[in-house]
N, C-alpha and C. Protein backbone atom coordinates (compact mmCIF):
# COMPACT_ATOMS: atom_id res chain seq x y z
N MET A 1 179.58 -91.23 153.92
CA MET A 1 179.50 -91.16 152.46
C MET A 1 180.89 -90.86 151.89
N ALA A 2 181.32 -91.65 150.94
CA ALA A 2 182.64 -91.48 150.32
C ALA A 2 182.70 -90.19 149.50
N GLN A 3 183.85 -89.52 149.57
CA GLN A 3 184.06 -88.30 148.80
C GLN A 3 185.48 -88.27 148.28
N LEU A 4 185.70 -87.42 147.27
CA LEU A 4 187.02 -87.18 146.71
C LEU A 4 187.55 -85.88 147.31
N TYR A 5 188.67 -85.98 148.04
CA TYR A 5 189.28 -84.83 148.70
C TYR A 5 190.56 -84.45 147.99
N PHE A 6 190.82 -83.15 147.91
CA PHE A 6 192.11 -82.68 147.40
C PHE A 6 192.71 -81.74 148.43
N TYR A 7 193.79 -82.21 149.07
CA TYR A 7 194.58 -81.41 150.00
C TYR A 7 195.74 -80.83 149.19
N TYR A 8 195.76 -79.51 149.00
CA TYR A 8 196.77 -78.91 148.14
C TYR A 8 197.54 -77.82 148.88
N SER A 9 198.74 -77.56 148.39
CA SER A 9 199.58 -76.52 148.98
C SER A 9 200.80 -76.32 148.10
N THR A 10 201.73 -75.52 148.61
CA THR A 10 203.05 -75.43 148.02
C THR A 10 203.90 -76.50 148.69
N MET A 11 205.19 -76.46 148.47
CA MET A 11 206.09 -77.42 149.11
C MET A 11 206.22 -77.09 150.59
N ASN A 12 206.54 -78.11 151.38
CA ASN A 12 206.86 -77.97 152.80
C ASN A 12 205.69 -77.52 153.67
N ALA A 13 204.48 -77.92 153.29
CA ALA A 13 203.31 -77.57 154.10
C ALA A 13 202.81 -78.75 154.93
N GLY A 14 203.46 -79.90 154.81
CA GLY A 14 203.07 -81.06 155.61
C GLY A 14 202.08 -81.99 154.95
N LYS A 15 202.05 -82.02 153.61
CA LYS A 15 201.11 -82.89 152.91
C LYS A 15 201.35 -84.36 153.22
N SER A 16 202.60 -84.79 153.10
CA SER A 16 202.91 -86.20 153.35
C SER A 16 202.68 -86.57 154.81
N THR A 17 202.99 -85.67 155.72
CA THR A 17 202.74 -85.91 157.15
C THR A 17 201.25 -86.09 157.39
N SER A 18 200.43 -85.24 156.79
CA SER A 18 198.98 -85.34 156.94
C SER A 18 198.45 -86.64 156.36
N LEU A 19 198.98 -87.04 155.19
CA LEU A 19 198.58 -88.31 154.57
C LEU A 19 198.90 -89.48 155.49
N LEU A 20 200.12 -89.50 156.02
CA LEU A 20 200.53 -90.61 156.88
C LEU A 20 199.72 -90.64 158.17
N GLN A 21 199.34 -89.48 158.69
CA GLN A 21 198.49 -89.44 159.88
C GLN A 21 197.10 -90.01 159.57
N SER A 22 196.56 -89.65 158.41
CA SER A 22 195.24 -90.18 158.01
C SER A 22 195.30 -91.70 157.86
N ALA A 23 196.37 -92.19 157.22
CA ALA A 23 196.53 -93.64 157.04
C ALA A 23 196.59 -94.34 158.40
N TYR A 24 197.32 -93.76 159.32
CA TYR A 24 197.45 -94.33 160.66
C TYR A 24 196.10 -94.37 161.37
N ASN A 25 195.32 -93.32 161.21
CA ASN A 25 193.98 -93.28 161.85
C ASN A 25 193.11 -94.44 161.39
N TYR A 26 193.16 -94.77 160.11
CA TYR A 26 192.37 -95.90 159.61
C TYR A 26 192.89 -97.22 160.17
N VAL A 27 194.21 -97.40 160.13
CA VAL A 27 194.80 -98.64 160.63
C VAL A 27 194.51 -98.82 162.12
N GLU A 28 194.59 -97.74 162.87
CA GLU A 28 194.34 -97.79 164.31
C GLU A 28 192.93 -98.29 164.63
N ARG A 29 192.01 -98.06 163.71
CA ARG A 29 190.62 -98.50 163.89
C ARG A 29 190.35 -99.84 163.22
N GLY A 30 191.41 -100.54 162.82
CA GLY A 30 191.26 -101.86 162.22
C GLY A 30 190.78 -101.83 160.78
N MET A 31 190.98 -100.70 160.10
CA MET A 31 190.55 -100.57 158.71
C MET A 31 191.76 -100.56 157.79
N ASN A 32 191.53 -100.92 156.55
CA ASN A 32 192.61 -100.97 155.56
C ASN A 32 192.68 -99.68 154.76
N SER A 33 193.81 -99.01 154.85
CA SER A 33 194.05 -97.86 153.98
C SER A 33 195.06 -98.28 152.93
N LEU A 34 194.91 -97.77 151.74
CA LEU A 34 195.79 -98.08 150.63
C LEU A 34 196.45 -96.78 150.20
N ILE A 35 197.79 -96.77 150.14
CA ILE A 35 198.54 -95.57 149.80
C ILE A 35 199.19 -95.74 148.42
N TYR A 36 199.08 -94.69 147.61
CA TYR A 36 199.77 -94.61 146.32
C TYR A 36 200.66 -93.38 146.31
N THR A 37 201.75 -93.48 145.58
CA THR A 37 202.60 -92.31 145.33
C THR A 37 203.13 -92.39 143.91
N ALA A 38 203.59 -91.26 143.41
CA ALA A 38 204.07 -91.20 142.02
C ALA A 38 205.39 -91.92 141.87
N GLY A 39 205.49 -92.78 140.88
CA GLY A 39 206.73 -93.49 140.59
C GLY A 39 207.84 -92.56 140.14
N ILE A 40 207.47 -91.39 139.63
CA ILE A 40 208.46 -90.43 139.12
C ILE A 40 209.25 -89.78 140.25
N ASP A 41 208.68 -89.73 141.45
CA ASP A 41 209.34 -89.06 142.58
C ASP A 41 210.34 -90.03 143.23
N ASP A 42 211.61 -89.84 142.92
CA ASP A 42 212.64 -90.76 143.41
C ASP A 42 213.58 -90.10 144.43
N ARG A 43 213.10 -89.05 145.10
CA ARG A 43 213.95 -88.36 146.09
C ARG A 43 214.30 -89.27 147.26
N THR A 44 213.38 -90.11 147.66
CA THR A 44 213.66 -91.11 148.68
C THR A 44 213.46 -92.46 148.01
N GLN A 45 213.26 -93.48 148.76
CA GLN A 45 213.06 -94.80 148.19
C GLN A 45 211.75 -94.83 147.40
N VAL A 46 211.82 -95.27 146.14
CA VAL A 46 210.63 -95.36 145.30
C VAL A 46 209.66 -96.33 145.96
N GLY A 47 208.38 -95.96 145.98
CA GLY A 47 207.38 -96.80 146.62
C GLY A 47 207.27 -96.54 148.11
N THR A 48 207.71 -95.37 148.54
CA THR A 48 207.62 -94.98 149.95
C THR A 48 207.14 -93.54 150.04
N VAL A 49 206.20 -93.27 150.93
CA VAL A 49 205.82 -91.89 151.24
C VAL A 49 206.61 -91.50 152.48
N SER A 50 207.39 -90.42 152.34
CA SER A 50 208.23 -89.95 153.44
C SER A 50 207.93 -88.49 153.72
N SER A 51 207.93 -88.14 155.00
CA SER A 51 207.73 -86.73 155.37
C SER A 51 209.04 -86.16 155.87
N ARG A 52 209.14 -84.85 155.88
CA ARG A 52 210.35 -84.18 156.34
C ARG A 52 210.60 -84.39 157.83
N ILE A 53 209.57 -84.77 158.58
CA ILE A 53 209.76 -84.95 160.02
C ILE A 53 210.14 -86.39 160.38
N GLY A 54 210.39 -87.21 159.36
CA GLY A 54 210.94 -88.54 159.60
C GLY A 54 209.96 -89.69 159.54
N LEU A 55 208.69 -89.43 159.28
CA LEU A 55 207.72 -90.51 159.14
C LEU A 55 207.79 -91.07 157.73
N SER A 56 207.53 -92.37 157.59
CA SER A 56 207.47 -92.96 156.25
C SER A 56 206.64 -94.23 156.29
N GLN A 57 206.15 -94.60 155.12
CA GLN A 57 205.36 -95.82 155.00
C GLN A 57 205.43 -96.32 153.55
N PRO A 58 205.47 -97.63 153.35
CA PRO A 58 205.47 -98.17 151.98
C PRO A 58 204.17 -97.79 151.25
N ALA A 59 204.31 -97.66 149.94
CA ALA A 59 203.16 -97.29 149.11
C ALA A 59 203.25 -97.98 147.76
N SER A 60 202.11 -98.17 147.14
CA SER A 60 202.07 -98.61 145.75
C SER A 60 202.43 -97.40 144.90
N ILE A 61 202.98 -97.65 143.72
CA ILE A 61 203.31 -96.52 142.85
C ILE A 61 202.35 -96.46 141.67
N PHE A 62 202.15 -95.22 141.19
CA PHE A 62 201.40 -95.05 139.95
C PHE A 62 202.30 -94.36 138.94
N THR A 63 202.10 -94.74 137.69
CA THR A 63 202.78 -94.10 136.56
C THR A 63 201.68 -93.58 135.64
N GLY A 64 202.06 -93.00 134.54
CA GLY A 64 201.07 -92.50 133.58
C GLY A 64 200.20 -93.60 132.99
N GLU A 65 200.67 -94.85 133.05
CA GLU A 65 199.92 -95.98 132.48
C GLU A 65 199.04 -96.70 133.49
N THR A 66 199.13 -96.36 134.75
CA THR A 66 198.38 -97.07 135.78
C THR A 66 196.89 -96.77 135.68
N ASN A 67 196.09 -97.83 135.64
CA ASN A 67 194.64 -97.66 135.71
C ASN A 67 194.27 -97.84 137.18
N LEU A 68 194.10 -96.73 137.86
CA LEU A 68 193.87 -96.76 139.30
C LEU A 68 192.54 -97.42 139.66
N PHE A 69 191.52 -97.19 138.86
CA PHE A 69 190.22 -97.80 139.16
C PHE A 69 190.33 -99.32 139.13
N GLU A 70 190.94 -99.85 138.07
CA GLU A 70 191.05 -101.31 137.95
C GLU A 70 191.87 -101.91 139.08
N GLU A 71 193.01 -101.28 139.41
CA GLU A 71 193.86 -101.80 140.48
C GLU A 71 193.13 -101.79 141.83
N ILE A 72 192.44 -100.71 142.11
CA ILE A 72 191.77 -100.59 143.41
C ILE A 72 190.56 -101.51 143.47
N GLN A 73 189.84 -101.64 142.37
CA GLN A 73 188.70 -102.55 142.33
C GLN A 73 189.16 -103.98 142.59
N THR A 74 190.28 -104.40 141.99
CA THR A 74 190.82 -105.74 142.21
C THR A 74 191.21 -105.94 143.67
N ARG A 75 191.91 -104.99 144.24
CA ARG A 75 192.32 -105.09 145.65
C ARG A 75 191.11 -105.11 146.57
N HIS A 76 190.13 -104.28 146.25
CA HIS A 76 188.93 -104.19 147.08
C HIS A 76 188.12 -105.49 147.04
N THR A 77 188.16 -106.18 145.90
CA THR A 77 187.47 -107.46 145.77
C THR A 77 188.14 -108.51 146.65
N ASN A 78 189.48 -108.45 146.73
CA ASN A 78 190.23 -109.44 147.51
C ASN A 78 190.22 -109.13 149.01
N GLU A 79 190.25 -107.86 149.36
CA GLU A 79 190.24 -107.43 150.76
C GLU A 79 189.71 -106.00 150.80
N ALA A 80 188.76 -105.73 151.67
CA ALA A 80 188.12 -104.42 151.72
C ALA A 80 189.14 -103.30 151.87
N VAL A 81 189.00 -102.30 151.02
CA VAL A 81 189.78 -101.07 151.13
C VAL A 81 188.85 -100.01 151.70
N HIS A 82 189.22 -99.46 152.85
CA HIS A 82 188.36 -98.48 153.51
C HIS A 82 188.70 -97.04 153.15
N CYS A 83 189.91 -96.82 152.65
CA CYS A 83 190.33 -95.47 152.28
C CYS A 83 191.51 -95.56 151.33
N LEU A 84 191.52 -94.70 150.31
CA LEU A 84 192.64 -94.59 149.38
C LEU A 84 193.29 -93.23 149.58
N LEU A 85 194.62 -93.23 149.73
CA LEU A 85 195.38 -91.99 149.92
C LEU A 85 196.41 -91.88 148.80
N VAL A 86 196.47 -90.74 148.13
CA VAL A 86 197.35 -90.55 146.98
C VAL A 86 198.27 -89.37 147.23
N ASP A 87 199.57 -89.66 147.34
CA ASP A 87 200.58 -88.61 147.51
C ASP A 87 201.07 -88.18 146.13
N GLU A 88 201.59 -86.95 146.04
CA GLU A 88 202.10 -86.39 144.78
C GLU A 88 201.03 -86.44 143.68
N SER A 89 199.81 -86.11 144.05
CA SER A 89 198.68 -86.23 143.12
C SER A 89 198.72 -85.22 141.98
N GLN A 90 199.61 -84.24 142.05
CA GLN A 90 199.75 -83.32 140.92
C GLN A 90 200.21 -84.07 139.66
N PHE A 91 200.83 -85.24 139.85
CA PHE A 91 201.34 -86.01 138.72
C PHE A 91 200.29 -86.95 138.11
N LEU A 92 199.07 -86.94 138.61
CA LEU A 92 198.00 -87.73 138.01
C LEU A 92 197.62 -87.15 136.66
N SER A 93 197.14 -88.00 135.77
CA SER A 93 196.60 -87.53 134.50
C SER A 93 195.12 -87.21 134.68
N LYS A 94 194.55 -86.55 133.70
CA LYS A 94 193.11 -86.28 133.72
C LYS A 94 192.33 -87.58 133.85
N ALA A 95 192.73 -88.60 133.07
CA ALA A 95 192.04 -89.89 133.10
C ALA A 95 192.13 -90.52 134.48
N GLN A 96 193.28 -90.39 135.15
CA GLN A 96 193.43 -90.99 136.47
C GLN A 96 192.59 -90.26 137.53
N VAL A 97 192.44 -88.96 137.40
CA VAL A 97 191.56 -88.23 138.33
C VAL A 97 190.13 -88.73 138.15
N LEU A 98 189.71 -88.95 136.90
CA LEU A 98 188.37 -89.50 136.65
C LEU A 98 188.26 -90.91 137.23
N GLN A 99 189.32 -91.71 137.13
CA GLN A 99 189.31 -93.05 137.72
C GLN A 99 189.12 -92.97 139.24
N LEU A 100 189.78 -92.01 139.87
CA LEU A 100 189.62 -91.84 141.32
C LEU A 100 188.20 -91.39 141.67
N ALA A 101 187.62 -90.54 140.84
CA ALA A 101 186.22 -90.15 141.06
C ALA A 101 185.32 -91.37 140.96
N ASN A 102 185.64 -92.28 140.04
CA ASN A 102 184.86 -93.51 139.92
C ASN A 102 185.05 -94.44 141.11
N VAL A 103 186.25 -94.44 141.71
CA VAL A 103 186.48 -95.21 142.93
C VAL A 103 185.50 -94.73 144.01
N VAL A 104 185.35 -93.41 144.12
CA VAL A 104 184.42 -92.83 145.10
C VAL A 104 182.98 -93.18 144.74
N ASP A 105 182.59 -92.92 143.50
CA ASP A 105 181.19 -93.03 143.10
C ASP A 105 180.71 -94.48 142.95
N GLU A 106 181.57 -95.36 142.46
CA GLU A 106 181.14 -96.73 142.19
C GLU A 106 181.54 -97.72 143.28
N LEU A 107 182.73 -97.53 143.86
CA LEU A 107 183.19 -98.46 144.89
C LEU A 107 182.89 -97.95 146.30
N LYS A 108 182.48 -96.69 146.38
CA LYS A 108 182.12 -96.07 147.68
C LYS A 108 183.30 -96.02 148.65
N ILE A 109 184.49 -95.79 148.10
CA ILE A 109 185.71 -95.67 148.91
C ILE A 109 186.14 -94.21 148.93
N PRO A 110 186.36 -93.62 150.12
CA PRO A 110 186.87 -92.25 150.17
C PRO A 110 188.29 -92.19 149.59
N VAL A 111 188.55 -91.13 148.82
CA VAL A 111 189.86 -90.93 148.21
C VAL A 111 190.39 -89.58 148.67
N LEU A 112 191.58 -89.61 149.30
CA LEU A 112 192.23 -88.40 149.79
C LEU A 112 193.49 -88.17 148.97
N CYS A 113 193.51 -87.11 148.17
CA CYS A 113 194.66 -86.79 147.32
C CYS A 113 195.42 -85.61 147.92
N TYR A 114 196.74 -85.69 147.86
CA TYR A 114 197.62 -84.66 148.41
C TYR A 114 198.59 -84.24 147.32
N GLY A 115 198.67 -82.94 147.03
CA GLY A 115 199.58 -82.51 145.99
C GLY A 115 199.81 -81.02 145.95
N ILE A 116 200.74 -80.65 145.10
CA ILE A 116 201.08 -79.25 144.86
C ILE A 116 200.13 -78.70 143.80
N ARG A 117 199.64 -77.50 144.02
CA ARG A 117 198.67 -76.90 143.10
C ARG A 117 199.34 -76.40 141.82
N THR A 118 200.40 -75.58 141.97
CA THR A 118 201.01 -74.95 140.79
C THR A 118 202.50 -75.25 140.70
N ASP A 119 203.03 -75.13 139.50
CA ASP A 119 204.45 -75.39 139.25
C ASP A 119 205.28 -74.12 139.45
N PHE A 120 206.55 -74.18 139.08
CA PHE A 120 207.47 -73.07 139.27
C PHE A 120 207.19 -71.87 138.37
N GLN A 121 206.30 -72.04 137.39
CA GLN A 121 205.91 -70.94 136.52
C GLN A 121 204.52 -70.41 136.88
N GLY A 122 203.94 -70.92 137.97
CA GLY A 122 202.61 -70.48 138.38
C GLY A 122 201.49 -71.13 137.60
N GLU A 123 201.78 -72.22 136.90
CA GLU A 123 200.78 -72.94 136.10
C GLU A 123 200.30 -74.17 136.86
N LEU A 124 199.04 -74.53 136.66
CA LEU A 124 198.49 -75.72 137.30
C LEU A 124 199.10 -76.99 136.72
N PHE A 125 199.38 -77.95 137.59
CA PHE A 125 199.72 -79.29 137.13
C PHE A 125 198.43 -79.94 136.61
N GLU A 126 198.55 -80.91 135.72
CA GLU A 126 197.37 -81.57 135.15
C GLU A 126 196.51 -82.23 136.23
N GLY A 127 197.14 -83.00 137.11
CA GLY A 127 196.37 -83.65 138.17
C GLY A 127 195.68 -82.65 139.07
N SER A 128 196.39 -81.60 139.44
CA SER A 128 195.82 -80.57 140.32
C SER A 128 194.65 -79.85 139.65
N LYS A 129 194.82 -79.55 138.39
CA LYS A 129 193.75 -78.86 137.64
C LYS A 129 192.44 -79.65 137.70
N HIS A 130 192.52 -80.94 137.47
CA HIS A 130 191.30 -81.75 137.43
C HIS A 130 190.79 -82.09 138.83
N LEU A 131 191.68 -82.19 139.79
CA LEU A 131 191.21 -82.36 141.17
C LEU A 131 190.51 -81.11 141.66
N LEU A 132 191.04 -79.93 141.32
CA LEU A 132 190.37 -78.68 141.70
C LEU A 132 188.97 -78.60 141.08
N ALA A 133 188.84 -79.15 139.88
CA ALA A 133 187.55 -79.11 139.19
C ALA A 133 186.57 -80.15 139.70
N TRP A 134 187.06 -81.36 140.05
CA TRP A 134 186.15 -82.48 140.30
C TRP A 134 186.07 -82.95 141.75
N ALA A 135 186.96 -82.49 142.61
CA ALA A 135 186.93 -82.97 144.00
C ALA A 135 185.68 -82.48 144.72
N ASP A 136 185.20 -83.30 145.65
CA ASP A 136 184.07 -82.90 146.49
C ASP A 136 184.50 -81.89 147.53
N LYS A 137 185.71 -82.05 148.05
CA LYS A 137 186.23 -81.17 149.10
C LYS A 137 187.63 -80.70 148.74
N LEU A 138 187.86 -79.39 148.85
CA LEU A 138 189.17 -78.80 148.63
C LEU A 138 189.67 -78.27 149.96
N ILE A 139 190.86 -78.70 150.35
CA ILE A 139 191.44 -78.28 151.63
C ILE A 139 192.84 -77.76 151.36
N GLU A 140 193.08 -76.48 151.70
CA GLU A 140 194.41 -75.90 151.52
C GLU A 140 195.23 -76.12 152.78
N LEU A 141 196.41 -76.70 152.62
CA LEU A 141 197.39 -76.82 153.70
C LEU A 141 198.36 -75.66 153.52
N LYS A 142 198.67 -74.97 154.60
CA LYS A 142 199.42 -73.73 154.47
C LYS A 142 200.84 -73.84 155.03
N THR A 143 201.73 -73.13 154.37
CA THR A 143 203.07 -72.89 154.87
C THR A 143 203.38 -71.42 154.65
N ILE A 144 204.54 -70.96 155.10
CA ILE A 144 204.81 -69.53 155.01
C ILE A 144 206.04 -69.22 154.17
N CYS A 145 206.01 -68.02 153.63
CA CYS A 145 207.13 -67.42 152.90
C CYS A 145 208.14 -66.91 153.92
N HIS A 146 209.34 -66.59 153.48
CA HIS A 146 210.35 -66.04 154.39
C HIS A 146 209.92 -64.72 155.03
N CYS A 147 208.91 -64.05 154.44
CA CYS A 147 208.42 -62.78 155.00
C CYS A 147 207.35 -62.99 156.06
N GLY A 148 206.87 -64.24 156.21
CA GLY A 148 205.84 -64.54 157.19
C GLY A 148 204.44 -64.64 156.62
N LYS A 149 204.24 -64.18 155.37
CA LYS A 149 202.93 -64.32 154.73
C LYS A 149 202.74 -65.74 154.22
N LYS A 150 201.48 -66.09 153.93
CA LYS A 150 201.19 -67.42 153.39
C LYS A 150 201.91 -67.61 152.05
N ALA A 151 202.59 -68.72 151.91
CA ALA A 151 203.25 -69.07 150.65
C ALA A 151 202.25 -69.80 149.77
N ASN A 152 202.02 -69.27 148.57
CA ASN A 152 201.11 -69.93 147.65
C ASN A 152 201.73 -70.16 146.27
N MET A 153 203.03 -69.92 146.15
CA MET A 153 203.75 -70.11 144.89
C MET A 153 205.06 -70.84 145.19
N VAL A 154 205.66 -71.39 144.12
CA VAL A 154 206.93 -72.10 144.24
C VAL A 154 207.86 -71.60 143.14
N VAL A 155 209.12 -71.31 143.50
CA VAL A 155 210.13 -71.00 142.48
C VAL A 155 211.14 -72.14 142.42
N ARG A 156 211.70 -72.31 141.23
CA ARG A 156 212.80 -73.27 141.03
C ARG A 156 214.08 -72.46 140.90
N TYR A 157 215.16 -72.96 141.49
CA TYR A 157 216.44 -72.25 141.39
C TYR A 157 217.58 -73.25 141.23
N ASN A 158 218.74 -72.69 140.82
CA ASN A 158 219.91 -73.55 140.60
C ASN A 158 220.92 -73.39 141.73
N ASP A 159 222.12 -73.96 141.57
CA ASP A 159 223.15 -73.95 142.61
C ASP A 159 223.67 -72.54 142.92
N GLN A 160 223.48 -71.60 142.00
CA GLN A 160 223.93 -70.23 142.21
C GLN A 160 222.79 -69.33 142.72
N ASP A 161 221.69 -69.96 143.17
CA ASP A 161 220.50 -69.25 143.66
C ASP A 161 219.83 -68.39 142.58
N GLU A 162 220.05 -68.75 141.31
CA GLU A 162 219.40 -68.06 140.21
C GLU A 162 218.04 -68.73 139.96
N VAL A 163 217.01 -67.90 139.78
CA VAL A 163 215.67 -68.42 139.56
C VAL A 163 215.55 -68.92 138.13
N ILE A 164 215.00 -70.12 137.99
CA ILE A 164 214.77 -70.74 136.69
C ILE A 164 213.33 -70.45 136.29
N THR A 165 213.14 -69.87 135.11
CA THR A 165 211.78 -69.52 134.68
C THR A 165 211.35 -70.30 133.44
N GLN A 166 212.24 -71.09 132.86
CA GLN A 166 211.91 -71.88 131.67
C GLN A 166 212.33 -73.32 131.93
N GLY A 167 211.71 -74.23 131.20
CA GLY A 167 212.11 -75.63 131.29
C GLY A 167 210.92 -76.54 131.49
N ALA A 168 211.23 -77.82 131.66
CA ALA A 168 210.19 -78.83 131.83
C ALA A 168 209.39 -78.56 133.10
N GLN A 169 208.10 -78.82 133.05
CA GLN A 169 207.26 -78.59 134.22
C GLN A 169 207.69 -79.47 135.38
N VAL A 170 208.09 -80.69 135.09
CA VAL A 170 208.44 -81.63 136.16
C VAL A 170 209.95 -81.81 136.21
N GLU A 171 210.51 -81.45 137.35
CA GLU A 171 211.90 -81.74 137.68
C GLU A 171 211.90 -82.04 139.17
N ILE A 172 212.12 -83.29 139.49
CA ILE A 172 212.00 -83.73 140.88
C ILE A 172 213.09 -83.09 141.73
N GLY A 173 212.69 -82.60 142.88
CA GLY A 173 213.65 -81.99 143.80
C GLY A 173 212.94 -81.54 145.07
N GLY A 174 213.73 -81.11 146.01
CA GLY A 174 213.21 -80.63 147.28
C GLY A 174 213.72 -79.23 147.54
N ASN A 175 214.14 -78.98 148.79
CA ASN A 175 214.63 -77.66 149.16
C ASN A 175 215.90 -77.26 148.42
N ASP A 176 216.56 -78.22 147.79
CA ASP A 176 217.75 -77.92 147.01
C ASP A 176 217.43 -77.27 145.67
N LYS A 177 216.16 -77.33 145.23
CA LYS A 177 215.76 -76.78 143.93
C LYS A 177 214.55 -75.87 143.99
N TYR A 178 213.78 -75.95 145.05
CA TYR A 178 212.51 -75.22 145.10
C TYR A 178 212.38 -74.47 146.41
N MET A 179 211.66 -73.34 146.34
CA MET A 179 211.35 -72.57 147.54
C MET A 179 209.91 -72.08 147.44
N SER A 180 209.18 -72.20 148.55
CA SER A 180 207.81 -71.71 148.62
C SER A 180 207.83 -70.24 149.00
N LEU A 181 207.08 -69.43 148.24
CA LEU A 181 207.04 -67.99 148.44
C LEU A 181 205.61 -67.47 148.36
N CYS A 182 205.37 -66.30 148.95
CA CYS A 182 204.10 -65.62 148.74
C CYS A 182 204.10 -65.09 147.30
N ARG A 183 202.95 -64.69 146.80
CA ARG A 183 202.85 -64.22 145.42
C ARG A 183 203.77 -63.02 145.17
N ARG A 184 203.83 -62.09 146.13
CA ARG A 184 204.67 -60.90 145.95
C ARG A 184 206.14 -61.28 145.79
N HIS A 185 206.64 -62.14 146.66
CA HIS A 185 208.06 -62.52 146.57
C HIS A 185 208.33 -63.46 145.39
N PHE A 186 207.32 -64.20 144.94
CA PHE A 186 207.44 -64.99 143.72
C PHE A 186 207.69 -64.05 142.54
N LYS A 187 206.88 -62.97 142.46
CA LYS A 187 207.05 -62.01 141.36
C LYS A 187 208.41 -61.33 141.45
N VAL A 188 208.82 -60.92 142.64
CA VAL A 188 210.13 -60.28 142.82
C VAL A 188 211.24 -61.23 142.38
N ALA A 189 211.18 -62.48 142.82
CA ALA A 189 212.22 -63.46 142.49
C ALA A 189 212.30 -63.71 140.99
N THR A 190 211.15 -63.80 140.33
CA THR A 190 211.19 -64.07 138.89
C THR A 190 211.65 -62.85 138.09
N ILE A 191 211.37 -61.66 138.59
CA ILE A 191 211.84 -60.44 137.90
C ILE A 191 213.34 -60.24 138.14
N GLU A 192 213.77 -60.37 139.40
CA GLU A 192 215.18 -60.15 139.72
C GLU A 192 216.06 -61.33 139.33
N GLY A 193 215.46 -62.51 139.19
CA GLY A 193 216.21 -63.68 138.77
C GLY A 193 217.02 -64.33 139.88
N ARG A 194 216.76 -63.95 141.14
CA ARG A 194 217.49 -64.52 142.27
C ARG A 194 216.52 -64.77 143.42
N ILE A 195 216.87 -65.71 144.27
CA ILE A 195 216.07 -65.96 145.47
C ILE A 195 216.77 -65.38 146.68
N GLN A 196 215.98 -65.07 147.69
CA GLN A 196 216.52 -64.66 148.99
C GLN A 196 216.41 -65.84 149.92
N LYS A 197 217.49 -66.15 150.62
CA LYS A 197 217.44 -67.26 151.57
C LYS A 197 217.54 -66.74 152.98
């Protein structure tokens, strides 16, 4: 039975690696998996899902204007889609999360979404908020803080290791701009205004 899954975490927990492994599992069994990633994420080649351990695979991109249900329905009509995998799903809109729910409910295709739960201010991303509300299955992927505890928050910082607490919710970056921390060290970093490396 098809379901909507949301695999969520902070940065560096292996979301893209897990997505690529799932895609490979379908292909290995002779099934078609379809991968999407956010067009806004240009850290590597646009239209590619890449993991920190060196795995990568081409992907279709979505923007705020993409109607995912219509695109997937068209592809599924031309060639069976057995699984849909969505990287950077925090960047989905509310409407797009509903479209993915419709892919599950109407087209009977499992949808696996991978994304960050909260931003650098501890606020939910729009896509994450609606996936947390509407997904059939929620799976937390874990990484650790520098203290060894589970990291469940992310801070943004600049070149001088100063913590940024204001600004646009979305600023694309990796380890050069963001660090995953436990809640305690997130609070310490935002109060002191500096990160510990």
